[in-house]
Amino acid sequence: MKTIKQQVEYLRDFVVDAKNELFDRLILERTQYVTIVLEDLYQSHNQSAVMRSADCFGIQDVHLIENRNAYDTSSTVSQGAREWLSLFRHREEENNTQPTIDTLRAQGYRIIATTPHTGDVFIDQLDLNKGKMAFFFGTELTGLSPTVIAQADEFVKVPMVGFTESLNVSVCAAIVMYSVTQRLRQSDLDWHLPEKRKYEVLFEWYKNTIKASEEILERFNRSSS
């Protein structure tokens, strides 16, 4: 079988130049230095809003913890965004929060709990130089689980000066993503996708764009090198 890079280069011929140029430009703006984790969100429109924000701010990876509430794959609301994101669904166990934390820690992520009820730092004061960041957002009614709160490496909150004590989860996530990605792009940190990961993401983008991509790739992979 051809390498992913070879397959991507082949698929480029089935897409108009303007789309290729768009992919070339946007892949340079993608990052996995930041990832978003949604723990058991109930409202599908909140999940969709977070996904749209992640795409808009160039965050490639979104993790979905499905304990009591499952992600609705049949919903068309988030379809436009999820075609461009890498979604990781955690749903194999009765409580999937701990395995998700363990997986992200093994990948070098700091576990960061977003909650207005701690005395830690505001989002614009978070130290970006300490390494990759996984921001956890909790369910609409009760917030993050005790597991996340107990094991978080850091806590962040969004500055608020009104009578309301908390923001809608999708609004909070959008503010966090905007703040962090803007600061990353102004920093000297290497927040871009590694070369191998770029081609993996591009491969999915092209497959989602081209009709009959599976058949096209099957013929290409059968052909001689």
N, C-alpha and C. Protein backbone atom coordinates (compact mmCIF):
# COMPACT_ATOMS: atom_id res chain seq x y z
N MET A 1 0.85 -1.20 0.00
CA MET A 1 0.00 0.00 0.00
C MET A 1 0.88 1.25 0.00
N LYS A 2 0.41 2.26 -0.71
CA LYS A 2 1.14 3.52 -0.76
C LYS A 2 1.13 4.20 0.62
N THR A 3 2.12 5.07 0.82
CA THR A 3 2.16 5.83 2.06
C THR A 3 1.03 6.85 2.08
N ILE A 4 0.71 7.35 3.26
CA ILE A 4 -0.33 8.38 3.37
C ILE A 4 0.05 9.60 2.55
N LYS A 5 1.31 9.98 2.57
CA LYS A 5 1.75 11.13 1.79
C LYS A 5 1.49 10.90 0.30
N GLN A 6 1.81 9.73 -0.19
CA GLN A 6 1.57 9.42 -1.60
C GLN A 6 0.08 9.47 -1.93
N GLN A 7 -0.74 8.95 -1.03
CA GLN A 7 -2.18 8.95 -1.27
C GLN A 7 -2.74 10.37 -1.27
N VAL A 8 -2.24 11.19 -0.36
CA VAL A 8 -2.68 12.59 -0.33
C VAL A 8 -2.32 13.28 -1.63
N GLU A 9 -1.09 13.10 -2.08
CA GLU A 9 -0.64 13.75 -3.32
C GLU A 9 -1.49 13.27 -4.50
N TYR A 10 -1.88 12.01 -4.50
CA TYR A 10 -2.72 11.49 -5.58
C TYR A 10 -4.12 12.09 -5.52
N LEU A 11 -4.68 12.19 -4.33
CA LEU A 11 -6.03 12.72 -4.18
C LEU A 11 -6.12 14.20 -4.57
N ARG A 12 -5.02 14.91 -4.49
CA ARG A 12 -5.03 16.33 -4.86
C ARG A 12 -5.50 16.52 -6.31
N ASP A 13 -5.26 15.54 -7.16
CA ASP A 13 -5.64 15.66 -8.57
C ASP A 13 -7.15 15.60 -8.78
N PHE A 14 -7.87 15.17 -7.77
CA PHE A 14 -9.33 15.05 -7.88
C PHE A 14 -10.06 16.24 -7.26
N VAL A 15 -9.30 17.27 -6.89
CA VAL A 15 -9.87 18.44 -6.23
C VAL A 15 -9.42 19.69 -6.98
N VAL A 16 -10.29 20.67 -7.06
CA VAL A 16 -9.96 21.91 -7.77
C VAL A 16 -8.82 22.63 -7.06
N ASP A 17 -8.10 23.46 -7.80
CA ASP A 17 -6.94 24.15 -7.26
C ASP A 17 -7.28 25.00 -6.04
N ALA A 18 -8.45 25.64 -6.08
CA ALA A 18 -8.83 26.51 -4.97
C ALA A 18 -8.97 25.72 -3.67
N LYS A 19 -9.52 24.51 -3.76
CA LYS A 19 -9.66 23.68 -2.57
C LYS A 19 -8.30 23.18 -2.08
N ASN A 20 -7.43 22.81 -3.01
CA ASN A 20 -6.08 22.40 -2.62
C ASN A 20 -5.34 23.53 -1.91
N GLU A 21 -5.47 24.73 -2.44
CA GLU A 21 -4.82 25.89 -1.83
C GLU A 21 -5.40 26.16 -0.44
N LEU A 22 -6.71 25.97 -0.29
CA LEU A 22 -7.33 26.16 1.02
C LEU A 22 -6.80 25.15 2.02
N PHE A 23 -6.73 23.88 1.61
CA PHE A 23 -6.20 22.84 2.49
C PHE A 23 -4.75 23.14 2.86
N ASP A 24 -3.94 23.56 1.88
CA ASP A 24 -2.53 23.87 2.14
C ASP A 24 -2.40 24.99 3.16
N ARG A 25 -3.28 25.95 3.08
CA ARG A 25 -3.21 27.09 4.01
C ARG A 25 -3.70 26.72 5.39
N LEU A 26 -4.82 26.00 5.45
CA LEU A 26 -5.43 25.72 6.76
C LEU A 26 -4.66 24.67 7.56
N ILE A 27 -4.00 23.73 6.88
CA ILE A 27 -3.26 22.71 7.62
C ILE A 27 -2.13 23.34 8.41
N LEU A 28 -1.61 24.46 7.93
CA LEU A 28 -0.53 25.16 8.65
C LEU A 28 -1.04 25.88 9.88
N GLU A 29 -2.35 26.03 10.00
CA GLU A 29 -2.95 26.70 11.15
C GLU A 29 -3.48 25.72 12.19
N ARG A 30 -3.41 24.43 11.89
CA ARG A 30 -3.95 23.43 12.81
C ARG A 30 -2.95 23.14 13.93
N THR A 31 -3.50 22.80 15.10
CA THR A 31 -2.65 22.49 16.24
C THR A 31 -3.23 21.34 17.04
N GLN A 32 -2.34 20.56 17.65
CA GLN A 32 -2.74 19.59 18.65
C GLN A 32 -2.00 19.89 19.97
N TYR A 33 -1.38 21.06 20.02
CA TYR A 33 -0.79 21.52 21.28
C TYR A 33 -1.90 21.76 22.30
N VAL A 34 -3.09 22.03 21.79
CA VAL A 34 -4.30 22.19 22.61
C VAL A 34 -5.31 21.16 22.15
N THR A 35 -5.97 20.52 23.09
CA THR A 35 -7.09 19.65 22.74
C THR A 35 -8.24 19.94 23.68
N ILE A 36 -9.44 19.65 23.23
CA ILE A 36 -10.66 19.92 23.99
C ILE A 36 -11.30 18.59 24.38
N VAL A 37 -11.74 18.51 25.64
CA VAL A 37 -12.38 17.30 26.14
C VAL A 37 -13.75 17.66 26.71
N LEU A 38 -14.79 17.06 26.15
CA LEU A 38 -16.16 17.31 26.62
C LEU A 38 -16.61 16.10 27.43
N GLU A 39 -16.83 16.32 28.72
CA GLU A 39 -17.20 15.23 29.60
C GLU A 39 -18.71 15.14 29.74
N ASP A 40 -19.29 14.20 29.02
CA ASP A 40 -20.69 13.83 29.23
C ASP A 40 -21.69 14.96 28.98
N LEU A 41 -21.43 15.78 27.97
CA LEU A 41 -22.39 16.83 27.65
C LEU A 41 -23.72 16.22 27.21
N TYR A 42 -24.79 16.85 27.62
CA TYR A 42 -26.13 16.35 27.32
C TYR A 42 -26.71 16.98 26.07
N GLN A 43 -26.54 18.28 25.93
CA GLN A 43 -27.16 19.01 24.82
C GLN A 43 -26.31 18.89 23.55
N SER A 44 -26.91 18.33 22.51
CA SER A 44 -26.17 18.15 21.26
C SER A 44 -25.77 19.48 20.64
N HIS A 45 -26.59 20.53 20.86
CA HIS A 45 -26.23 21.82 20.27
C HIS A 45 -25.00 22.42 20.94
N ASN A 46 -24.77 22.08 22.22
CA ASN A 46 -23.54 22.54 22.88
C ASN A 46 -22.33 21.81 22.32
N GLN A 47 -22.46 20.51 22.12
CA GLN A 47 -21.38 19.76 21.49
C GLN A 47 -21.05 20.34 20.12
N SER A 48 -22.08 20.61 19.35
CA SER A 48 -21.89 21.13 18.00
C SER A 48 -21.22 22.50 18.02
N ALA A 49 -21.64 23.34 18.94
CA ALA A 49 -21.06 24.69 19.03
C ALA A 49 -19.59 24.62 19.39
N VAL A 50 -19.23 23.73 20.30
CA VAL A 50 -17.82 23.57 20.66
C VAL A 50 -17.01 23.08 19.47
N MET A 51 -17.57 22.14 18.71
CA MET A 51 -16.86 21.64 17.53
C MET A 51 -16.64 22.74 16.50
N ARG A 52 -17.65 23.55 16.29
CA ARG A 52 -17.49 24.65 15.33
C ARG A 52 -16.40 25.61 15.78
N SER A 53 -16.37 25.90 17.08
CA SER A 53 -15.34 26.80 17.60
C SER A 53 -13.96 26.18 17.46
N ALA A 54 -13.85 24.88 17.76
CA ALA A 54 -12.56 24.21 17.61
C ALA A 54 -12.05 24.32 16.18
N ASP A 55 -12.93 24.08 15.22
CA ASP A 55 -12.53 24.20 13.81
C ASP A 55 -12.11 25.63 13.49
N CYS A 56 -12.89 26.59 13.94
CA CYS A 56 -12.60 28.00 13.63
C CYS A 56 -11.26 28.45 14.20
N PHE A 57 -10.89 27.93 15.37
CA PHE A 57 -9.65 28.35 16.02
C PHE A 57 -8.48 27.41 15.73
N GLY A 58 -8.69 26.43 14.86
CA GLY A 58 -7.60 25.59 14.40
C GLY A 58 -7.21 24.46 15.32
N ILE A 59 -8.08 24.11 16.27
CA ILE A 59 -7.80 23.00 17.18
C ILE A 59 -8.31 21.72 16.54
N GLN A 60 -7.39 20.80 16.28
CA GLN A 60 -7.74 19.64 15.46
C GLN A 60 -8.46 18.54 16.23
N ASP A 61 -8.05 18.30 17.49
CA ASP A 61 -8.54 17.13 18.23
C ASP A 61 -9.59 17.51 19.27
N VAL A 62 -10.70 16.79 19.24
CA VAL A 62 -11.74 16.94 20.25
C VAL A 62 -12.07 15.56 20.81
N HIS A 63 -12.07 15.45 22.14
CA HIS A 63 -12.38 14.18 22.81
C HIS A 63 -13.77 14.25 23.42
N LEU A 64 -14.54 13.19 23.24
CA LEU A 64 -15.90 13.11 23.77
C LEU A 64 -15.98 11.97 24.76
N ILE A 65 -16.19 12.30 26.04
CA ILE A 65 -16.38 11.30 27.07
C ILE A 65 -17.88 11.01 27.17
N GLU A 66 -18.26 9.77 26.91
CA GLU A 66 -19.66 9.39 26.89
C GLU A 66 -19.93 8.39 28.02
N ASN A 67 -20.30 8.91 29.17
CA ASN A 67 -20.65 8.05 30.30
C ASN A 67 -22.15 7.79 30.31
N ARG A 68 -22.92 8.80 30.65
CA ARG A 68 -24.38 8.67 30.62
C ARG A 68 -24.96 9.17 29.29
N ASN A 69 -24.31 10.14 28.69
CA ASN A 69 -24.84 10.78 27.49
C ASN A 69 -23.98 10.44 26.28
N ALA A 70 -24.60 9.89 25.26
CA ALA A 70 -23.89 9.49 24.05
C ALA A 70 -23.90 10.61 23.02
N TYR A 71 -22.85 10.67 22.23
CA TYR A 71 -22.77 11.64 21.15
C TYR A 71 -23.69 11.21 20.02
N ASP A 72 -24.50 12.13 19.54
CA ASP A 72 -25.48 11.83 18.50
C ASP A 72 -24.82 11.97 17.13
N THR A 73 -24.37 10.86 16.57
CA THR A 73 -23.70 10.90 15.27
C THR A 73 -24.66 11.17 14.12
N SER A 74 -25.97 11.01 14.36
CA SER A 74 -26.94 11.24 13.29
C SER A 74 -27.28 12.72 13.14
N SER A 75 -26.89 13.53 14.10
CA SER A 75 -27.20 14.95 14.04
C SER A 75 -26.44 15.61 12.89
N THR A 76 -27.13 16.44 12.15
CA THR A 76 -26.49 17.17 11.05
C THR A 76 -25.99 18.53 11.49
N VAL A 77 -26.27 18.91 12.74
CA VAL A 77 -25.91 20.25 13.21
C VAL A 77 -24.41 20.46 13.19
N SER A 78 -23.65 19.44 13.65
CA SER A 78 -22.19 19.59 13.73
C SER A 78 -21.45 18.98 12.56
N GLN A 79 -22.20 18.50 11.57
CA GLN A 79 -21.56 17.76 10.48
C GLN A 79 -20.53 18.61 9.76
N GLY A 80 -20.83 19.87 9.51
CA GLY A 80 -19.90 20.72 8.78
C GLY A 80 -18.56 20.84 9.48
N ALA A 81 -18.58 20.92 10.81
CA ALA A 81 -17.33 21.05 11.57
C ALA A 81 -16.64 19.72 11.76
N ARG A 82 -17.40 18.68 12.05
CA ARG A 82 -16.75 17.41 12.39
C ARG A 82 -16.07 16.76 11.20
N GLU A 83 -16.39 17.16 10.00
CA GLU A 83 -15.68 16.65 8.83
C GLU A 83 -14.21 17.06 8.84
N TRP A 84 -13.90 18.16 9.52
CA TRP A 84 -12.55 18.70 9.51
C TRP A 84 -11.81 18.44 10.82
N LEU A 85 -12.49 17.87 11.80
CA LEU A 85 -11.89 17.61 13.10
C LEU A 85 -11.54 16.14 13.25
N SER A 86 -10.65 15.86 14.20
CA SER A 86 -10.38 14.47 14.60
C SER A 86 -11.09 14.24 15.92
N LEU A 87 -12.16 13.44 15.86
CA LEU A 87 -12.98 13.18 17.05
C LEU A 87 -12.58 11.86 17.67
N PHE A 88 -12.40 11.88 18.99
CA PHE A 88 -12.04 10.68 19.74
C PHE A 88 -13.15 10.42 20.76
N ARG A 89 -13.87 9.33 20.54
CA ARG A 89 -14.99 9.00 21.42
C ARG A 89 -14.55 7.99 22.47
N HIS A 90 -14.82 8.30 23.73
CA HIS A 90 -14.46 7.44 24.85
C HIS A 90 -15.75 6.91 25.45
N ARG A 91 -16.08 5.64 25.14
CA ARG A 91 -17.39 5.11 25.50
C ARG A 91 -17.35 3.60 25.80
N GLU A 92 -16.17 3.04 25.96
CA GLU A 92 -16.05 1.59 26.10
C GLU A 92 -16.40 1.09 27.49
N GLU A 93 -16.24 1.95 28.51
CA GLU A 93 -16.42 1.52 29.88
C GLU A 93 -17.59 2.23 30.53
N GLU A 94 -17.95 1.78 31.73
CA GLU A 94 -19.05 2.44 32.44
C GLU A 94 -18.68 3.86 32.82
N ASN A 95 -17.44 4.05 33.26
CA ASN A 95 -16.93 5.39 33.54
C ASN A 95 -15.67 5.60 32.70
N ASN A 96 -15.79 6.44 31.69
CA ASN A 96 -14.71 6.62 30.72
C ASN A 96 -13.80 7.80 31.03
N THR A 97 -14.08 8.50 32.11
CA THR A 97 -13.29 9.69 32.43
C THR A 97 -11.85 9.33 32.78
N GLN A 98 -11.68 8.34 33.65
CA GLN A 98 -10.32 7.97 34.07
C GLN A 98 -9.47 7.48 32.91
N PRO A 99 -9.96 6.58 32.06
CA PRO A 99 -9.15 6.16 30.92
C PRO A 99 -8.78 7.31 29.99
N THR A 100 -9.67 8.29 29.86
CA THR A 100 -9.38 9.44 29.00
C THR A 100 -8.24 10.27 29.60
N ILE A 101 -8.31 10.50 30.89
CA ILE A 101 -7.23 11.23 31.57
C ILE A 101 -5.91 10.49 31.41
N ASP A 102 -5.94 9.18 31.62
CA ASP A 102 -4.72 8.38 31.50
C ASP A 102 -4.14 8.44 30.09
N THR A 103 -5.01 8.36 29.09
CA THR A 103 -4.56 8.40 27.70
C THR A 103 -3.91 9.73 27.36
N LEU A 104 -4.56 10.82 27.77
CA LEU A 104 -4.02 12.14 27.45
C LEU A 104 -2.73 12.42 28.21
N ARG A 105 -2.66 11.96 29.44
CA ARG A 105 -1.41 12.13 30.20
C ARG A 105 -0.27 11.38 29.51
N ALA A 106 -0.56 10.17 29.03
CA ALA A 106 0.46 9.38 28.34
C ALA A 106 0.94 10.06 27.07
N GLN A 107 0.09 10.91 26.49
CA GLN A 107 0.45 11.66 25.28
C GLN A 107 1.12 12.99 25.61
N GLY A 108 1.34 13.24 26.90
CA GLY A 108 2.06 14.44 27.30
C GLY A 108 1.21 15.66 27.59
N TYR A 109 -0.09 15.47 27.74
CA TYR A 109 -0.98 16.61 27.99
C TYR A 109 -1.09 16.91 29.48
N ARG A 110 -1.17 18.20 29.79
CA ARG A 110 -1.56 18.64 31.13
C ARG A 110 -3.09 18.59 31.20
N ILE A 111 -3.61 18.09 32.30
CA ILE A 111 -5.06 18.02 32.47
C ILE A 111 -5.52 19.31 33.13
N ILE A 112 -6.30 20.09 32.39
CA ILE A 112 -6.70 21.41 32.86
C ILE A 112 -8.22 21.45 32.99
N ALA A 113 -8.70 21.68 34.20
CA ALA A 113 -10.13 21.75 34.47
C ALA A 113 -10.60 23.18 34.34
N THR A 114 -11.65 23.38 33.58
CA THR A 114 -12.24 24.71 33.46
C THR A 114 -13.44 24.78 34.40
N THR A 115 -13.33 25.63 35.40
CA THR A 115 -14.39 25.77 36.40
C THR A 115 -14.28 27.14 37.05
N PRO A 116 -15.42 27.79 37.35
CA PRO A 116 -15.38 29.09 38.01
C PRO A 116 -15.26 28.99 39.52
N HIS A 117 -15.16 27.78 40.04
CA HIS A 117 -15.27 27.58 41.49
C HIS A 117 -13.95 27.25 42.16
N THR A 118 -12.84 27.64 41.55
CA THR A 118 -11.54 27.43 42.19
C THR A 118 -10.79 28.75 42.25
N GLY A 119 -9.72 28.75 43.00
CA GLY A 119 -8.96 29.99 43.15
C GLY A 119 -7.73 30.04 42.29
N ASP A 120 -7.75 29.34 41.16
CA ASP A 120 -6.56 29.31 40.32
C ASP A 120 -6.57 30.46 39.31
N VAL A 121 -5.90 30.30 38.18
CA VAL A 121 -5.62 31.42 37.29
C VAL A 121 -6.74 31.67 36.29
N PHE A 122 -6.80 32.91 35.81
CA PHE A 122 -7.66 33.23 34.68
C PHE A 122 -7.02 32.67 33.42
N ILE A 123 -7.84 32.42 32.40
CA ILE A 123 -7.37 31.76 31.20
C ILE A 123 -6.25 32.56 30.52
N ASP A 124 -6.31 33.87 30.56
CA ASP A 124 -5.27 34.66 29.88
C ASP A 124 -3.97 34.73 30.68
N GLN A 125 -3.95 34.12 31.87
CA GLN A 125 -2.73 34.07 32.68
C GLN A 125 -2.10 32.67 32.67
N LEU A 126 -2.71 31.74 32.01
CA LEU A 126 -2.20 30.36 32.01
C LEU A 126 -0.86 30.29 31.31
N ASP A 127 0.09 29.58 31.91
CA ASP A 127 1.42 29.43 31.35
C ASP A 127 1.37 28.43 30.20
N LEU A 128 1.60 28.90 28.99
CA LEU A 128 1.55 28.05 27.81
C LEU A 128 2.83 27.25 27.61
N ASN A 129 3.91 27.68 28.26
CA ASN A 129 5.22 27.07 28.03
C ASN A 129 5.40 25.74 28.75
N LYS A 130 4.49 25.40 29.62
CA LYS A 130 4.65 24.19 30.43
C LYS A 130 4.29 22.92 29.68
N GLY A 131 3.80 23.04 28.46
CA GLY A 131 3.51 21.84 27.67
C GLY A 131 2.10 21.81 27.13
N LYS A 132 1.80 20.75 26.43
CA LYS A 132 0.50 20.59 25.77
C LYS A 132 -0.64 20.62 26.79
N MET A 133 -1.81 21.09 26.34
CA MET A 133 -2.93 21.34 27.24
C MET A 133 -4.19 20.62 26.79
N ALA A 134 -4.82 19.90 27.70
CA ALA A 134 -6.12 19.28 27.46
C ALA A 134 -7.13 19.97 28.38
N PHE A 135 -8.03 20.73 27.79
CA PHE A 135 -9.02 21.48 28.56
C PHE A 135 -10.29 20.64 28.70
N PHE A 136 -10.68 20.38 29.93
CA PHE A 136 -11.87 19.58 30.22
C PHE A 136 -13.05 20.50 30.52
N PHE A 137 -14.19 20.22 29.87
CA PHE A 137 -15.43 20.96 30.09
C PHE A 137 -16.50 19.97 30.52
N GLY A 138 -17.25 20.33 31.58
CA GLY A 138 -18.20 19.40 32.16
C GLY A 138 -19.62 19.56 31.66
N THR A 139 -20.46 18.66 32.12
CA THR A 139 -21.85 18.64 31.70
C THR A 139 -22.58 19.91 32.14
N GLU A 140 -23.67 20.21 31.45
CA GLU A 140 -24.34 21.50 31.60
C GLU A 140 -24.82 21.78 33.03
N LEU A 141 -25.35 20.79 33.71
CA LEU A 141 -25.99 21.03 35.01
C LEU A 141 -25.02 20.98 36.18
N THR A 142 -24.13 19.99 36.18
CA THR A 142 -23.28 19.77 37.35
C THR A 142 -21.80 20.04 37.12
N GLY A 143 -21.41 20.35 35.89
CA GLY A 143 -20.01 20.65 35.63
C GLY A 143 -19.15 19.40 35.57
N LEU A 144 -17.88 19.57 35.85
CA LEU A 144 -16.94 18.46 35.77
C LEU A 144 -17.13 17.46 36.90
N SER A 145 -16.79 16.23 36.62
CA SER A 145 -16.93 15.17 37.62
C SER A 145 -15.86 15.31 38.70
N PRO A 146 -16.08 14.71 39.87
CA PRO A 146 -15.05 14.70 40.93
C PRO A 146 -13.74 14.08 40.46
N THR A 147 -13.81 13.13 39.52
CA THR A 147 -12.59 12.51 39.01
C THR A 147 -11.69 13.54 38.35
N VAL A 148 -12.26 14.38 37.50
CA VAL A 148 -11.46 15.41 36.83
C VAL A 148 -10.96 16.43 37.84
N ILE A 149 -11.82 16.88 38.72
CA ILE A 149 -11.42 17.88 39.71
C ILE A 149 -10.28 17.36 40.58
N ALA A 150 -10.37 16.09 40.97
CA ALA A 150 -9.35 15.53 41.86
C ALA A 150 -8.00 15.33 41.15
N GLN A 151 -8.04 15.09 39.84
CA GLN A 151 -6.81 14.74 39.13
C GLN A 151 -6.27 15.84 38.22
N ALA A 152 -6.95 16.95 38.17
CA ALA A 152 -6.50 18.03 37.30
C ALA A 152 -5.14 18.56 37.75
N ASP A 153 -4.30 18.85 36.78
CA ASP A 153 -3.01 19.46 37.07
C ASP A 153 -3.15 20.94 37.36
N GLU A 154 -4.12 21.55 36.69
CA GLU A 154 -4.33 22.99 36.84
C GLU A 154 -5.81 23.31 36.67
N PHE A 155 -6.19 24.49 37.16
CA PHE A 155 -7.56 24.96 37.01
C PHE A 155 -7.53 26.35 36.37
N VAL A 156 -8.45 26.59 35.47
CA VAL A 156 -8.56 27.92 34.87
C VAL A 156 -10.02 28.36 34.89
N LYS A 157 -10.21 29.65 34.83
CA LYS A 157 -11.55 30.20 34.76
C LYS A 157 -11.55 31.41 33.85
N VAL A 158 -12.71 31.77 33.38
CA VAL A 158 -12.90 32.94 32.53
C VAL A 158 -13.30 34.11 33.41
N PRO A 159 -12.67 35.27 33.26
CA PRO A 159 -13.04 36.43 34.08
C PRO A 159 -14.50 36.82 33.85
N MET A 160 -15.22 37.05 34.94
CA MET A 160 -16.62 37.47 34.85
C MET A 160 -16.87 38.52 35.93
N VAL A 161 -17.67 39.53 35.60
CA VAL A 161 -17.95 40.60 36.55
C VAL A 161 -19.46 40.84 36.69
N GLY A 162 -20.25 39.88 36.24
CA GLY A 162 -21.70 40.03 36.32
C GLY A 162 -22.28 39.24 37.48
N PHE A 163 -23.62 39.27 37.59
CA PHE A 163 -24.30 38.53 38.65
C PHE A 163 -24.34 37.03 38.38
N THR A 164 -24.32 36.66 37.09
CA THR A 164 -24.35 35.25 36.72
C THR A 164 -23.02 34.60 37.06
N GLU A 165 -23.06 33.41 37.66
CA GLU A 165 -21.85 32.77 38.16
C GLU A 165 -21.13 31.92 37.13
N SER A 166 -21.79 31.60 36.04
CA SER A 166 -21.13 30.75 35.06
C SER A 166 -21.65 31.04 33.66
N LEU A 167 -20.84 30.66 32.67
CA LEU A 167 -21.20 30.80 31.27
C LEU A 167 -21.73 29.48 30.73
N ASN A 168 -22.49 29.56 29.66
CA ASN A 168 -22.84 28.35 28.92
C ASN A 168 -21.55 27.64 28.51
N VAL A 169 -21.56 26.31 28.55
CA VAL A 169 -20.34 25.55 28.32
C VAL A 169 -19.74 25.83 26.94
N SER A 170 -20.57 26.01 25.93
CA SER A 170 -20.02 26.26 24.60
C SER A 170 -19.42 27.66 24.50
N VAL A 171 -20.00 28.62 25.21
CA VAL A 171 -19.44 29.98 25.23
C VAL A 171 -18.11 29.98 25.98
N CYS A 172 -18.08 29.30 27.11
CA CYS A 172 -16.84 29.20 27.89
C CYS A 172 -15.74 28.55 27.07
N ALA A 173 -16.07 27.47 26.38
CA ALA A 173 -15.08 26.78 25.56
C ALA A 173 -14.55 27.68 24.45
N ALA A 174 -15.43 28.44 23.83
CA ALA A 174 -15.01 29.34 22.74
C ALA A 174 -14.04 30.40 23.26
N ILE A 175 -14.33 30.97 24.43
CA ILE A 175 -13.45 31.99 25.00
C ILE A 175 -12.08 31.39 25.33
N VAL A 176 -12.09 30.20 25.92
CA VAL A 176 -10.84 29.53 26.26
C VAL A 176 -10.02 29.26 25.00
N MET A 177 -10.67 28.71 23.98
CA MET A 177 -9.95 28.40 22.74
C MET A 177 -9.40 29.65 22.08
N TYR A 178 -10.19 30.71 22.05
CA TYR A 178 -9.72 31.95 21.43
C TYR A 178 -8.51 32.49 22.17
N SER A 179 -8.60 32.58 23.50
CA SER A 179 -7.52 33.13 24.30
C SER A 179 -6.22 32.35 24.11
N VAL A 180 -6.32 31.03 24.20
CA VAL A 180 -5.12 30.20 24.14
C VAL A 180 -4.50 30.20 22.75
N THR A 181 -5.32 30.03 21.72
CA THR A 181 -4.76 29.96 20.36
C THR A 181 -4.18 31.30 19.92
N GLN A 182 -4.80 32.40 20.32
CA GLN A 182 -4.25 33.72 19.96
C GLN A 182 -2.88 33.90 20.60
N ARG A 183 -2.75 33.53 21.85
CA ARG A 183 -1.46 33.66 22.54
C ARG A 183 -0.42 32.70 21.97
N LEU A 184 -0.85 31.49 21.61
CA LEU A 184 0.08 30.54 21.01
C LEU A 184 0.66 31.10 19.72
N ARG A 185 -0.19 31.68 18.88
CA ARG A 185 0.27 32.19 17.58
C ARG A 185 1.19 33.39 17.72
N GLN A 186 1.16 34.03 18.86
CA GLN A 186 2.05 35.16 19.11
C GLN A 186 3.32 34.74 19.85
N SER A 187 3.42 33.45 20.16
CA SER A 187 4.54 32.95 20.95
C SER A 187 5.60 32.33 20.04
N ASP A 188 6.71 31.90 20.67
CA ASP A 188 7.77 31.21 19.95
C ASP A 188 7.63 29.69 20.04
N LEU A 189 6.55 29.21 20.65
CA LEU A 189 6.33 27.78 20.79
C LEU A 189 6.03 27.13 19.44
N ASP A 190 6.46 25.90 19.28
CA ASP A 190 6.13 25.15 18.07
C ASP A 190 4.80 24.44 18.29
N TRP A 191 3.73 25.11 17.92
CA TRP A 191 2.38 24.59 18.16
C TRP A 191 1.80 23.90 16.92
N HIS A 192 2.53 23.90 15.81
CA HIS A 192 2.01 23.33 14.57
C HIS A 192 1.95 21.80 14.65
N LEU A 193 1.16 21.22 13.78
CA LEU A 193 1.10 19.76 13.70
C LEU A 193 2.44 19.22 13.21
N PRO A 194 2.89 18.09 13.77
CA PRO A 194 4.07 17.42 13.20
C PRO A 194 3.79 17.00 11.76
N GLU A 195 4.84 16.83 10.97
CA GLU A 195 4.69 16.57 9.54
C GLU A 195 3.83 15.33 9.28
N LYS A 196 4.09 14.25 10.01
CA LYS A 196 3.32 13.03 9.81
C LYS A 196 1.84 13.26 10.10
N ARG A 197 1.56 14.00 11.16
CA ARG A 197 0.18 14.27 11.54
C ARG A 197 -0.51 15.15 10.50
N LYS A 198 0.22 16.06 9.90
CA LYS A 198 -0.36 16.91 8.85
C LYS A 198 -0.94 16.05 7.73
N TYR A 199 -0.16 15.06 7.30
CA TYR A 199 -0.63 14.21 6.20
C TYR A 199 -1.78 13.32 6.63
N GLU A 200 -1.79 12.90 7.87
CA GLU A 200 -2.92 12.10 8.37
C GLU A 200 -4.21 12.92 8.34
N VAL A 201 -4.12 14.18 8.76
CA VAL A 201 -5.29 15.05 8.76
C VAL A 201 -5.71 15.38 7.33
N LEU A 202 -4.75 15.73 6.49
CA LEU A 202 -5.07 16.02 5.09
C LEU A 202 -5.73 14.82 4.42
N PHE A 203 -5.27 13.64 4.73
CA PHE A 203 -5.84 12.41 4.17
C PHE A 203 -7.33 12.32 4.49
N GLU A 204 -7.70 12.60 5.72
CA GLU A 204 -9.11 12.58 6.11
C GLU A 204 -9.89 13.70 5.43
N TRP A 205 -9.29 14.87 5.33
CA TRP A 205 -9.97 15.98 4.66
C TRP A 205 -10.30 15.63 3.21
N TYR A 206 -9.32 15.08 2.51
CA TYR A 206 -9.55 14.73 1.11
C TYR A 206 -10.59 13.62 0.98
N LYS A 207 -10.51 12.62 1.86
CA LYS A 207 -11.50 11.54 1.80
C LYS A 207 -12.91 12.07 2.04
N ASN A 208 -13.05 13.04 2.93
CA ASN A 208 -14.37 13.61 3.21
C ASN A 208 -14.86 14.53 2.10
N THR A 209 -13.95 14.97 1.26
CA THR A 209 -14.29 15.92 0.19
C THR A 209 -14.62 15.23 -1.13
N ILE A 210 -13.93 14.15 -1.41
CA ILE A 210 -14.04 13.50 -2.72
C ILE A 210 -15.04 12.35 -2.68
N LYS A 211 -16.01 12.41 -3.55
CA LYS A 211 -16.96 11.30 -3.67
C LYS A 211 -16.23 10.07 -4.22
N ALA A 212 -16.61 8.92 -3.74
CA ALA A 212 -16.00 7.65 -4.17
C ALA A 212 -14.50 7.62 -3.86
N SER A 213 -14.09 8.31 -2.79
CA SER A 213 -12.66 8.34 -2.46
C SER A 213 -12.13 6.95 -2.13
N GLU A 214 -12.96 6.11 -1.50
CA GLU A 214 -12.51 4.76 -1.14
C GLU A 214 -12.17 3.96 -2.40
N GLU A 215 -13.04 4.05 -3.42
CA GLU A 215 -12.78 3.31 -4.66
C GLU A 215 -11.54 3.85 -5.38
N ILE A 216 -11.40 5.17 -5.37
CA ILE A 216 -10.24 5.80 -6.00
C ILE A 216 -8.95 5.34 -5.34
N LEU A 217 -8.96 5.33 -4.00
CA LEU A 217 -7.76 4.91 -3.26
C LEU A 217 -7.48 3.43 -3.44
N GLU A 218 -8.54 2.63 -3.52
CA GLU A 218 -8.35 1.19 -3.71
C GLU A 218 -7.63 0.91 -5.02
N ARG A 219 -8.05 1.61 -6.10
CA ARG A 219 -7.40 1.43 -7.39
C ARG A 219 -5.96 1.92 -7.33
N PHE A 220 -5.73 3.04 -6.69
CA PHE A 220 -4.38 3.59 -6.61
C PHE A 220 -3.45 2.68 -5.83
N ASN A 221 -3.94 2.12 -4.71
CA ASN A 221 -3.11 1.27 -3.90
C ASN A 221 -2.81 -0.07 -4.56
N ARG A 222 -3.67 -0.46 -5.50
CA ARG A 222 -3.43 -1.71 -6.25
C ARG A 222 -2.44 -1.50 -7.37
N SER A 223 -2.26 -0.26 -7.80
CA SER A 223 -1.39 0.02 -8.93
C SER A 223 0.06 -0.16 -8.51
N SER A 224 0.95 -0.31 -9.50
CA SER A 224 2.37 -0.48 -9.22
C SER A 224 2.95 0.83 -8.70
N SER A 225 4.02 0.73 -7.95
CA SER A 225 4.67 1.89 -7.37
C SER A 225 5.31 2.74 -8.47
